[in-house]
């Protein structure tokens, strides 16, 4: 949820921010809670079907391989390794989003990243490890909600807006995360990553429950589960019907359902009027 500003791939996006987009930015769009519209800083909807690595990526890869042959400091070594890992992960995200996890291959990732197969397998021994790393970072993004400041109402509005912004502006990531969680072949990977993140995720759950407790909810645990289920359901519908889903109308309805002040500034996301959900 909280964007990070290092490790940027050629798309201009940090692979570390591959999940919920900048709740703190979207909070400024919530009515009565300050400022003008937020901005989706890293819309990972930029998959490039049929394209391999750019010239700058290929040059970067050549420079890194050339640098390997030269004496370097420990910090330079570390920086090059980090750049290589980030480029591989960014490529994996794009390839998995375009082709689907099952259909994608390590060769596809290698070609997109512009690196050798050996380098990919050095960092990630198999495709499942790539999926695990992407899911790990997706869960890290979700965990960012415990850092939201403000009153209980402001924090709840920020969670709603952050989730809606993510659903609308990072659809390839959301589709990938949903598929990795639900597919029989990768669900165990998700379960493994989730188990490793359990303490952090428990903090997230407790943070949401504390918001509902402060708002006087009789059962904050149920309210937390219902909110998450609602927002995740919206994400699924957005992934299926991105062109016809009335995001802003749904946002207003969520605010009203939780007795929040109605937003006066729309989120910086295109939203059609309510009609019928149809795939296009």
Foldseek 3Di string as FASTA:
>chain_A
DCADCPLADPLRGFLLQLFFFDLVQQLCQFAPRHHAAGDRRHQQPDQDPPDAADPVLLVLQVVLVVCVVPDDDPVVVVVSLSNLVSLLLSLLLSQCLVQNLVRDALVSSCRRNNYDSVSVCVVPVGSLSSVLVSLLSNVVNLLVLLVDDDALLSSVLSNLSRLLCRLQRHLSSLVRNVCLCPDPVRVVSNVVSCVVCVVSVVSSLVSQLVSVVSVPDPGSNVVSVVVVVVSNVVSVLCSQQVPQAQSLVVSQVVCVVVVHPGRPHGHPGDGDDHDDRDGD
